[in-house]
C-alpha cells in the first residue's frame, strides 16, 4: 500500500496479544500485527499482555506503556491490513 506523505494514527485499540486496530488521519483503518517485531529490542516488552493492552494513539502514532514504545506511523500504515470503514 502506498503511504501518504503525512499520515498519523488518530485511534488505536489493542485487540489481542499482538494485533492493534488503527485509524489514520486520512480515514484508512487497519489491523497491525506486531508479532513480527516482538523479538527485537524494546518491542520484546509487548509480549507482556499488560503492556500490550496499553496501546493508544499518541504523538502521531500508536504507542504503548505511556509512550515508551512506539512504531513509525509510516510503518504502521504500510503494514496494517485494511478493514471496514
C-alpha atoms as a PDB file:
ATOM      1  CA  UNK A   1       0.000   0.000   0.000  1.00  0.00           C
ATOM      2  CA  UNK A   2       1.252   3.459  -0.856  1.00  0.00           C
ATOM      3  CA  UNK A   3       1.860   5.600   2.219  1.00  0.00           C
ATOM      4  CA  UNK A   4       0.790   9.268   2.068  1.00  0.00           C
ATOM      5  CA  UNK A   5       3.488  11.879   2.695  1.00  0.00           C
ATOM      6  CA  UNK A   6       1.935  12.894   6.010  1.00  0.00           C
ATOM      7  CA  UNK A   7      -0.121  10.384   7.917  1.00  0.00           C
ATOM      8  CA  UNK A   8      -0.662   9.837  11.613  1.00  0.00           C
ATOM      9  CA  UNK A   9      -2.586   7.491  13.870  1.00  0.00           C
ATOM     10  CA  UNK A  10      -5.796   9.002  15.265  1.00  0.00           C
ATOM     11  CA  UNK A  11      -7.143   5.935  17.117  1.00  0.00           C
ATOM     12  CA  UNK A  12      -5.566   2.734  18.407  1.00  0.00           C
ATOM     13  CA  UNK A  13      -7.098  -0.204  20.270  1.00  0.00           C
ATOM     14  CA  UNK A  14      -5.368  -3.424  21.302  1.00  0.00           C
ATOM     15  CA  UNK A  15      -7.362  -6.409  20.041  1.00  0.00           C
ATOM     16  CA  UNK A  16      -5.377  -9.313  21.477  1.00  0.00           C
ATOM     17  CA  UNK A  17      -1.783 -10.145  22.362  1.00  0.00           C
ATOM     18  CA  UNK A  18      -0.275  -8.989  19.075  1.00  0.00           C
ATOM     19  CA  UNK A  19      -2.881  -7.125  17.000  1.00  0.00           C
ATOM     20  CA  UNK A  20      -3.903  -3.496  17.249  1.00  0.00           C
ATOM     21  CA  UNK A  21      -6.713  -1.793  15.336  1.00  0.00           C
ATOM     22  CA  UNK A  22      -5.682   1.572  13.899  1.00  0.00           C
ATOM     23  CA  UNK A  23      -7.394   4.537  12.259  1.00  0.00           C
ATOM     24  CA  UNK A  24      -5.242   7.011  10.368  1.00  0.00           C
ATOM     25  CA  UNK A  25      -5.607  10.711   9.615  1.00  0.00           C
ATOM     26  CA  UNK A  26      -6.689  10.015   6.024  1.00  0.00           C
ATOM     27  CA  UNK A  27      -9.517   7.704   7.189  1.00  0.00           C
ATOM     28  CA  UNK A  28      -7.677   4.454   6.419  1.00  0.00           C
ATOM     29  CA  UNK A  29      -8.390   1.744   9.005  1.00  0.00           C
ATOM     30  CA  UNK A  30      -6.472  -1.460   9.521  1.00  0.00           C
ATOM     31  CA  UNK A  31      -5.165  -4.081  11.885  1.00  0.00           C
ATOM     32  CA  UNK A  32      -1.447  -4.142  12.563  1.00  0.00           C
ATOM     33  CA  UNK A  33       0.135  -7.443  13.608  1.00  0.00           C
ATOM     34  CA  UNK A  34       3.011  -6.606  15.931  1.00  0.00           C
ATOM     35  CA  UNK A  35       4.199 -10.218  16.344  1.00  0.00           C
ATOM     36  CA  UNK A  36       6.990  -9.863  13.725  1.00  0.00           C
ATOM     37  CA  UNK A  37       8.523  -7.088  15.851  1.00  0.00           C
ATOM     38  CA  UNK A  38       8.189  -8.708  19.282  1.00  0.00           C
ATOM     39  CA  UNK A  39      11.577 -10.441  19.184  1.00  0.00           C
ATOM     40  CA  UNK A  40      13.529  -7.206  18.752  1.00  0.00           C
ATOM     41  CA  UNK A  41      14.730  -4.583  21.215  1.00  0.00           C
ATOM     42  CA  UNK A  42      12.145  -2.582  23.091  1.00  0.00           C
ATOM     43  CA  UNK A  43       9.306  -4.400  21.284  1.00  0.00           C
ATOM     44  CA  UNK A  44      10.056  -7.510  23.395  1.00  0.00           C
ATOM     45  CA  UNK A  45       8.167  -5.759  26.194  1.00  0.00           C
ATOM     46  CA  UNK A  46       4.979  -6.014  24.107  1.00  0.00           C
ATOM     47  CA  UNK A  47       4.941  -9.751  24.828  1.00  0.00           C
ATOM     48  CA  UNK A  48       3.582  -8.824  28.255  1.00  0.00           C
ATOM     49  CA  UNK A  49      -0.220  -8.661  27.812  1.00  0.00           C
ATOM     50  CA  UNK A  50      -0.435  -5.881  30.404  1.00  0.00           C
ATOM     51  CA  UNK A  51       1.922  -3.733  28.336  1.00  0.00           C
ATOM     52  CA  UNK A  52       0.301  -4.574  25.001  1.00  0.00           C
ATOM     53  CA  UNK A  53      -3.136  -3.579  26.320  1.00  0.00           C
ATOM     54  CA  UNK A  54      -1.841  -0.034  26.894  1.00  0.00           C
ATOM     55  CA  UNK A  55      -1.923   0.671  23.123  1.00  0.00           C
ATOM     56  CA  UNK A  56      -3.217   4.143  22.307  1.00  0.00           C
ATOM     57  CA  UNK A  57      -2.882   6.876  19.722  1.00  0.00           C
ATOM     58  CA  UNK A  58      -0.329   9.467  20.731  1.00  0.00           C
ATOM     59  CA  UNK A  59       2.422  11.644  19.257  1.00  0.00           C
ATOM     60  CA  UNK A  60       1.179  10.833  15.712  1.00  0.00           C
ATOM     61  CA  UNK A  61       1.449   7.051  16.036  1.00  0.00           C
ATOM     62  CA  UNK A  62       0.437   4.080  18.134  1.00  0.00           C
ATOM     63  CA  UNK A  63       2.290   3.926  21.411  1.00  0.00           C
ATOM     64  CA  UNK A  64       2.417   1.641  24.406  1.00  0.00           C
ATOM     65  CA  UNK A  65       3.459   1.981  28.017  1.00  0.00           C
ATOM     66  CA  UNK A  66       2.899   5.753  28.258  1.00  0.00           C
ATOM     67  CA  UNK A  67       4.864   6.433  25.086  1.00  0.00           C
ATOM     68  CA  UNK A  68       7.999   4.465  25.942  1.00  0.00           C
ATOM     69  CA  UNK A  69       7.309   2.140  22.980  1.00  0.00           C
ATOM     70  CA  UNK A  70       6.091   3.247  19.558  1.00  0.00           C
ATOM     71  CA  UNK A  71       6.352   2.416  15.888  1.00  0.00           C
ATOM     72  CA  UNK A  72       6.753   4.824  12.974  1.00  0.00           C
ATOM     73  CA  UNK A  73       3.340   5.844  11.631  1.00  0.00           C
ATOM     74  CA  UNK A  74       4.512   5.135   8.074  1.00  0.00           C
ATOM     75  CA  UNK A  75       5.445   1.571   9.068  1.00  0.00           C
ATOM     76  CA  UNK A  76       2.117   1.054  10.844  1.00  0.00           C
ATOM     77  CA  UNK A  77       0.245   2.372   7.778  1.00  0.00           C
ATOM     78  CA  UNK A  78       2.182   0.228   5.324  1.00  0.00           C
ATOM     79  CA  UNK A  79       1.653  -2.977   7.304  1.00  0.00           C
ATOM     80  CA  UNK A  80      -1.882  -2.508   8.651  1.00  0.00           C
ATOM     81  CA  UNK A  81      -4.293  -4.902   6.922  1.00  0.00           C
ATOM     82  CA  UNK A  82      -7.341  -2.822   5.844  1.00  0.00           C
ATOM     83  CA  UNK A  83     -10.756  -3.401   7.371  1.00  0.00           C
ATOM     84  CA  UNK A  84     -14.194  -1.719   7.252  1.00  0.00           C
ATOM     85  CA  UNK A  85     -14.807   1.976   7.021  1.00  0.00           C
END
